[in-house]
Structure formats: C-alpha cells, structure tokens
Protein backbone atom coordinates (compact mmCIF):
# COMPACT_ATOMS: atom_id res chain seq x y z
CA MET A 1 -43.23 -22.28 -50.79
CA ASP A 2 -40.66 -22.07 -48.09
CA ALA A 3 -40.27 -24.36 -45.75
CA LYS A 4 -39.47 -23.52 -42.16
CA PRO A 5 -39.69 -25.53 -39.12
CA LEU A 6 -42.29 -25.52 -36.66
CA ARG A 7 -40.56 -26.05 -33.46
CA THR A 8 -40.40 -22.58 -32.26
CA GLY A 9 -40.91 -20.85 -29.30
CA GLY A 10 -44.14 -22.76 -27.35
CA GLN A 11 -44.20 -25.66 -29.97
CA VAL A 12 -42.58 -27.93 -28.68
CA GLU A 13 -44.65 -28.78 -25.98
CA ASP A 14 -47.71 -28.46 -28.23
CA ILE A 15 -45.94 -31.00 -30.88
CA LEU A 16 -45.32 -33.21 -27.92
CA VAL A 17 -48.76 -33.27 -26.29
CA ARG A 18 -50.26 -33.41 -29.73
CA TYR A 19 -48.33 -36.64 -30.93
CA GLN A 20 -47.59 -38.59 -27.92
CA ASN A 21 -50.71 -40.64 -28.12
CA THR A 22 -50.45 -40.81 -31.95
CA VAL A 23 -46.57 -41.95 -31.51
CA TYR A 24 -46.77 -43.82 -28.90
CA GLY A 25 -49.70 -45.92 -29.71
CA LEU A 26 -47.77 -46.92 -33.17
CA ALA A 27 -45.02 -47.77 -31.05
CA LEU A 28 -46.75 -49.97 -29.14
CA ALA A 29 -48.59 -51.58 -31.94
CA ARG A 30 -45.57 -52.31 -33.79
CA THR A 31 -43.30 -53.77 -31.07
CA GLY A 32 -46.12 -55.58 -28.79
CA SER A 33 -44.40 -54.04 -25.64
CA ARG A 34 -44.78 -50.92 -23.28
CA ALA A 35 -41.21 -50.81 -22.30
CA ASP A 36 -39.78 -50.87 -26.14
CA ALA A 37 -42.68 -48.36 -26.95
CA GLU A 38 -41.28 -46.01 -24.24
CA ASP A 39 -38.11 -46.44 -25.46
CA VAL A 40 -39.28 -45.95 -29.52
CA PHE A 41 -41.38 -43.05 -28.20
CA GLN A 42 -38.21 -41.49 -26.35
CA GLU A 43 -36.08 -41.99 -29.52
CA VAL A 44 -38.36 -40.32 -31.91
CA PHE A 45 -39.30 -37.01 -30.13
CA LEU A 46 -35.30 -37.04 -29.16
CA ALA A 47 -34.38 -37.39 -32.97
CA TYR A 48 -37.43 -34.79 -34.11
CA PHE A 49 -36.02 -31.94 -31.25
CA GLN A 50 -32.43 -32.58 -32.59
CA SER A 51 -32.96 -32.23 -36.05
CA ASN A 52 -33.34 -29.16 -38.01
CA LYS A 53 -35.54 -30.78 -40.54
CA ALA A 54 -37.96 -27.99 -42.06
CA PHE A 55 -41.60 -29.44 -42.71
CA ARG A 56 -44.02 -27.96 -45.37
CA ASP A 57 -46.99 -28.11 -43.17
CA GLU A 58 -48.96 -30.30 -40.02
CA GLU A 59 -49.26 -33.11 -42.68
CA HIS A 60 -45.82 -33.11 -43.58
CA GLN A 61 -44.76 -33.65 -39.92
CA LYS A 62 -47.45 -35.65 -38.60
CA ALA A 63 -46.01 -38.29 -41.52
CA TRP A 64 -42.15 -37.67 -40.69
CA LEU A 65 -42.98 -38.42 -37.09
CA LEU A 66 -45.04 -41.51 -38.21
CA ARG A 67 -41.78 -42.56 -40.58
CA THR A 68 -39.34 -42.60 -38.13
CA THR A 69 -41.83 -44.05 -35.50
CA ILE A 70 -41.38 -47.13 -37.63
CA ASN A 71 -38.02 -47.08 -38.58
CA PHE A 72 -37.07 -47.27 -34.55
CA CYS A 73 -39.65 -49.74 -34.06
CA ARG A 74 -37.98 -51.55 -36.98
CA ARG A 75 -34.32 -50.93 -35.07
CA VAL A 76 -36.00 -52.62 -31.77
CA THR A 77 -37.70 -55.59 -33.08
CA SER A 78 -34.64 -56.68 -35.67
CA SER A 79 -32.04 -56.41 -33.06
CA SER A 80 -30.22 -59.21 -32.54
CA TRP A 81 -30.44 -58.82 -28.55
CA ARG A 82 -33.94 -59.14 -29.03
CA LYS A 83 -34.19 -62.50 -30.70
CA ARG A 84 -31.94 -63.93 -27.87
CA THR A 85 -33.96 -63.44 -24.92
CA VAL A 86 -36.97 -64.36 -23.50
CA PRO A 87 -39.22 -62.37 -21.19
CA LEU A 88 -39.50 -63.68 -17.65
CA SER A 89 -42.90 -62.13 -17.36
CA GLN A 90 -45.57 -60.67 -19.13
CA TRP A 91 -46.76 -58.73 -16.29
CA GLU A 92 -46.06 -55.45 -18.24
CA ASP A 93 -47.44 -56.51 -21.12
CA ARG A 94 -51.12 -56.93 -19.67
CA PRO A 95 -53.75 -54.81 -22.29
CA LEU A 96 -54.49 -50.85 -21.07
CA PRO A 97 -56.98 -50.18 -19.08
CA PHE A 98 -59.81 -49.06 -21.04
CA GLN A 99 -63.10 -47.64 -19.84
CA SER A 100 -64.89 -50.81 -20.27
CA ALA A 101 -63.70 -54.80 -20.21
CA GLU A 102 -65.12 -54.64 -24.06
CA GLU A 103 -62.50 -52.34 -25.07
CA ASN A 104 -60.05 -53.78 -23.19
CA SER A 105 -61.18 -57.34 -25.10
CA VAL A 106 -60.90 -55.57 -28.23
CA TRP A 107 -57.22 -54.24 -27.61
CA GLN A 108 -56.05 -57.12 -26.67
CA ALA A 109 -57.73 -58.94 -30.23
CA VAL A 110 -55.82 -56.29 -32.07
CA MET A 111 -52.41 -56.69 -30.29
CA GLU A 112 -52.80 -60.51 -30.90
CA LEU A 113 -52.98 -59.79 -34.68
CA GLU A 114 -49.30 -60.48 -36.49
CA GLU A 115 -47.98 -56.66 -37.25
CA SER A 116 -48.74 -56.61 -40.89
CA LEU A 117 -52.34 -56.29 -39.97
CA ARG A 118 -52.19 -54.67 -36.53
CA VAL A 119 -50.06 -51.73 -37.63
CA PRO A 120 -53.01 -50.98 -40.24
CA ILE A 121 -55.78 -51.66 -38.08
CA TYR A 122 -54.66 -49.48 -35.26
CA LEU A 123 -53.80 -46.70 -37.49
CA PHE A 124 -56.95 -46.50 -39.45
CA TYR A 125 -59.48 -47.35 -36.24
CA PHE A 126 -57.43 -45.70 -33.19
CA GLN A 127 -55.70 -42.82 -35.22
CA GLY A 128 -58.01 -42.07 -37.80
CA LEU A 129 -55.94 -42.07 -40.68
CA THR A 130 -56.72 -42.36 -44.38
CA THR A 131 -55.46 -45.52 -46.60
CA GLN A 132 -53.72 -43.29 -48.40
CA GLU A 133 -51.95 -41.66 -45.56
CA ILE A 134 -51.02 -45.74 -43.98
CA ALA A 135 -49.84 -46.28 -47.35
CA ARG A 136 -47.54 -43.37 -47.67
CA ALA A 137 -46.18 -44.28 -43.31
CA LEU A 138 -45.80 -47.76 -44.12
CA SER A 139 -44.26 -47.48 -47.66
CA ILE A 140 -46.85 -49.51 -49.37
CA ARG A 141 -49.35 -49.03 -52.10
CA PRO A 142 -53.27 -48.29 -50.80
CA GLY A 143 -54.64 -51.41 -51.96
CA ALA A 144 -52.64 -53.07 -49.46
CA VAL A 145 -53.37 -51.40 -47.21
CA ARG A 146 -56.94 -52.14 -47.79
CA MET A 147 -56.20 -55.49 -48.18
CA ARG A 148 -54.36 -55.77 -44.77
CA LEU A 149 -57.33 -53.93 -42.99
CA SER A 150 -59.75 -56.33 -44.69
CA ARG A 151 -57.67 -59.51 -43.61
CA GLY A 152 -57.22 -57.52 -39.99
CA ARG A 153 -61.29 -57.28 -39.55
CA GLU A 154 -61.69 -60.87 -40.44
CA ARG A 155 -59.19 -62.45 -38.28
CA LEU A 156 -60.89 -59.77 -35.35
CA ARG A 157 -64.10 -60.93 -36.42
CA GLN A 158 -62.71 -64.83 -35.78
CA THR A 159 -61.19 -63.96 -32.45
CA LEU A 160 -64.50 -61.77 -31.27
CA LYS A 161 -66.96 -64.45 -32.31
CA GLY A 162 -69.35 -64.99 -29.93
CA ASP A 163 -68.26 -62.03 -28.11
CA TYR A 164 -69.34 -59.35 -30.30
CA PHE A 165 -70.10 -61.33 -33.47
CA ASP A 166 -73.08 -63.26 -33.64
CA GLU A 167 -72.88 -65.51 -36.74
C-alpha cells in the first residue's frame, strides 16, 4: 500500500481543527504553561505543514502529531533558559474555565501531578487514547502506561479526597 500525504486542498484546515485540542492539551499537560503550550502548538503545526511526510492512515498521522508534540515539549522544558528563569506571576497559568467548579478543581489536580503521571492521565481520560496508543506515543511499554495511570489515579484520589472521594 502506497503512502500519500493527507494535506491536500481543504484538508489543511480540517487537520488543524481536528487535532488542535489534542495537540494543545498534550502540550499544556506536558509543559504546565499556557504560553509554552501555545508555542509548542505553533511549532508542531508549522512542522506538519512544512513536511512532506506521507502517512499510511489517520492513526499514523495522529501518532506523528503526538510524537512531534512530545518532542517539541521536551525541547521547551529542557532548555537552559527555562531552567534559569523564575516566572514573575502565576496569573497566566490559572485553571482553564470548564463548565463547573468541580471540573476546574479536577483539572487543577491533574496539572499538579508530576509530568510522568500527568501526561498518561491526560491522554487516557481527556483524549480517549488506549494504553497501547499512549505507549506508542510516549515510547514506553503498555505495562508502564497502566502503572502510571494507576499511580496517577491514586494521587488524584488522595488530592481530591473529601471533595469527591469519601473514604
């Protein structure tokens, strides 16, 4: 089966609309900063539109976008400039406005998890990816994904205890 680019004609806007929440959400979960997530978002789609990469199917295309997002996030979070600066204000990084206060507090609890737990939780619950898909995107074993999900759920349960979990 020959691979062909999926970026012809009106499909450019379609790809952007279809994957904007996925890419931005993963970047936000990975970097923890709206400004950095917006930068990563722009870089990922710029790389996508400039590349001549041919995709086998929709799943291959989505996997490429996820992997590219993770790589750009890694560049942002590991830069020496970022390690030497301290944010002046946390105003820009306040929780995203969801429909209810409960959703906002759950999102805030997810964002407080360490990155290794936050990203699998985000991809599983917010993007609906399977553990196999998450494992491929993060280049780890499916068992490691399941363990991170389990640990993340436990930390969220402890953080949200009293709010949602009466044990």
